[in-house]
Protein backbone atom coordinates (compact mmCIF):
# COMPACT_ATOMS: atom_id res chain seq x y z
CA UNK A 1 -16.61 16.80 11.19
CA UNK A 2 -13.32 16.17 13.40
CA UNK A 3 -10.04 17.62 12.22
CA UNK A 4 -8.25 14.70 13.79
CA UNK A 5 -8.89 12.92 9.73
CA UNK A 6 -6.17 15.08 9.17
CA UNK A 7 -3.68 13.48 11.47
CA UNK A 8 -4.43 9.67 10.23
CA UNK A 9 -4.20 10.62 6.38
CA UNK A 10 -1.38 11.94 7.21
CA UNK A 11 -0.54 8.52 9.19
CA UNK A 12 -0.94 6.85 6.38
CA UNK A 13 0.79 9.30 3.94
CA UNK A 14 3.57 9.13 5.84
CA UNK A 15 3.76 4.97 5.80
CA UNK A 16 2.95 4.92 2.12
CA UNK A 17 6.16 7.43 1.55
CA UNK A 18 7.80 4.67 3.72
CA UNK A 19 6.82 2.04 1.40
CA UNK A 20 8.17 4.22 -1.64
CA UNK A 21 11.13 5.10 -0.31
CA UNK A 22 11.79 1.37 0.58
CA UNK A 23 10.80 0.32 -2.69
CA UNK A 24 12.95 1.90 -4.77
CA UNK A 25 15.88 1.28 -2.47
CA UNK A 26 15.23 -2.23 -3.14
CA UNK A 27 15.00 -1.88 -7.18
CA UNK A 28 17.52 0.72 -6.99
CA UNK A 29 20.16 -2.65 -5.34
CA UNK A 30 17.95 -5.11 -8.15
CA UNK A 31 21.86 -5.51 -9.77
CA UNK A 32 24.28 -5.61 -6.85
CA UNK A 33 26.52 -8.16 -6.85
CA UNK A 34 28.00 -9.41 -3.69
CA UNK A 35 31.27 -12.09 -3.36
CA UNK A 36 29.10 -13.79 -0.57
CA UNK A 37 25.22 -14.66 0.03
CA UNK A 38 25.66 -12.71 3.76
CA UNK A 39 26.81 -9.60 1.96
CA UNK A 40 24.48 -9.83 -0.56
CA UNK A 41 21.80 -7.34 -0.93
CA UNK A 42 18.08 -8.37 0.76
CA UNK A 43 15.05 -6.80 -0.35
CA UNK A 44 13.58 -4.52 2.63
CA UNK A 45 10.07 -4.24 3.51
CA UNK A 46 8.07 -1.51 6.34
CA UNK A 47 6.16 -3.11 8.90
CA UNK A 48 3.10 -0.48 9.81
CA UNK A 49 0.56 -1.30 12.27
CA UNK A 50 -2.78 0.36 13.35
CA UNK A 51 -3.02 2.58 16.14
CA UNK A 52 -6.58 3.13 17.83
CA UNK A 53 -6.66 5.82 20.78
CA UNK A 54 -10.30 6.79 21.49
CA UNK A 55 -12.16 4.84 18.44
CA UNK A 56 -9.07 6.88 16.25
CA UNK A 57 -7.44 5.43 14.38
CA UNK A 58 -3.73 6.10 12.20
CA UNK A 59 -0.68 4.13 10.54
CA UNK A 60 2.64 3.23 12.68
CA UNK A 61 5.83 2.25 11.54
CA UNK A 62 6.83 -0.56 13.80
CA UNK A 63 10.40 -0.60 11.46
CA UNK A 64 11.97 -1.91 8.84
CA UNK A 65 12.55 -5.66 7.65
CA UNK A 66 14.40 -7.17 5.55
CA UNK A 67 13.85 -10.46 3.14
CA UNK A 68 14.66 -13.76 3.94
CA UNK A 69 14.65 -15.07 0.67
CA UNK A 70 18.06 -16.40 -0.25
CA UNK A 71 19.85 -14.46 -2.61
CA UNK A 72 20.66 -15.52 -6.19
CA UNK A 73 23.92 -17.54 -6.74
CA UNK A 74 25.44 -17.22 -10.31
CA UNK A 75 28.10 -18.98 -11.08
CA UNK A 76 30.46 -16.71 -12.79
CA UNK A 77 34.61 -17.48 -12.57
CA UNK A 78 35.52 -13.87 -14.34
CA UNK A 79 34.01 -11.36 -12.52
CA UNK A 80 36.24 -10.13 -10.41
CA UNK A 81 34.24 -10.44 -7.13
CA UNK A 82 33.79 -14.38 -7.60
CA UNK A 83 34.46 -16.62 -4.56
CA UNK A 84 36.68 -19.02 -4.15
CA UNK A 85 34.44 -21.48 -6.63
CA UNK A 86 33.85 -18.85 -8.79
CA UNK A 87 30.40 -17.72 -8.00
CA UNK A 88 28.91 -14.28 -6.89
CA UNK A 89 25.58 -13.77 -4.79
CA UNK A 90 22.92 -11.16 -6.40
CA UNK A 91 20.31 -9.67 -4.57
CA UNK A 92 16.74 -10.94 -3.88
CA UNK A 93 14.98 -8.53 -4.65
CA UNK A 94 11.86 -9.46 -6.82
CA UNK A 95 11.40 -6.92 -9.61
CA UNK A 96 7.47 -7.56 -10.34
CA UNK A 97 6.84 -7.90 -6.72
CA UNK A 98 8.50 -4.68 -5.99
CA UNK A 99 5.98 -2.37 -8.66
CA UNK A 100 3.69 -4.19 -6.95
CA UNK A 101 4.44 -1.96 -4.47
CA UNK A 102 5.38 0.75 -5.95
CA UNK A 103 1.86 0.85 -7.37
CA UNK A 104 -0.62 0.01 -4.43
CA UNK A 105 1.51 2.29 -2.17
CA UNK A 106 1.47 5.41 -4.88
CA UNK A 107 -2.46 4.77 -4.92
CA UNK A 108 -2.95 4.64 -1.27
CA UNK A 109 -0.88 8.34 -1.31
CA UNK A 110 -3.25 9.43 -4.07
CA UNK A 111 -6.49 7.80 -2.44
CA UNK A 112 -5.31 9.86 1.06
CA UNK A 113 -4.15 12.88 -0.88
CA UNK A 114 -7.88 12.59 -2.89
CA UNK A 115 -9.45 12.23 0.57
CA UNK A 116 -7.89 15.38 2.37
CA UNK A 117 -8.92 17.39 -0.41
CA UNK A 118 -13.11 16.28 -0.48
CA UNK A 119 -13.18 16.57 4.07
CA UNK A 120 -11.17 19.90 3.11
CA UNK A 121 -13.83 20.97 0.45
CA UNK A 122 -16.96 19.39 2.70
CA UNK A 123 -15.16 21.70 5.81
CA UNK A 124 -15.34 25.00 4.07
CA UNK A 125 -18.79 23.96 2.52
CA UNK A 126 -20.40 23.69 5.58
CA UNK A 127 -18.34 26.54 6.71
CA UNK A 128 -20.29 28.76 4.10
CA UNK A 129 -24.30 27.73 5.85
CA UNK A 130 -23.41 30.20 7.84
CA UNK A 131 -23.33 32.94 5.79
């Protein structure tokens, strides 16, 4: 059994950890308000790529991108951050999408942990065959 499996699973776990971190940041900023559309918080999402070297794979992080969905514009002239026309701009974070991302990333991370535990048990059983 190839021990590179630990490297592959580790790269996948790092990717899912980054995905969880960006999701947490997005959810933390869901109710932020800004005085302009340009200053409004935009949800962020990591970009991943498959790495293949000599038929051995893994996950590489290519960066984190901001959503291009426009922020919500809300008329609230009494708000201290309202612009000259009485509008404030809220983040473009979609809570349902973020919760889905969080559940998916958490399950993917958990699946990698379970796979590593299975590989470890199989390696130990293989070593015991020689006893």
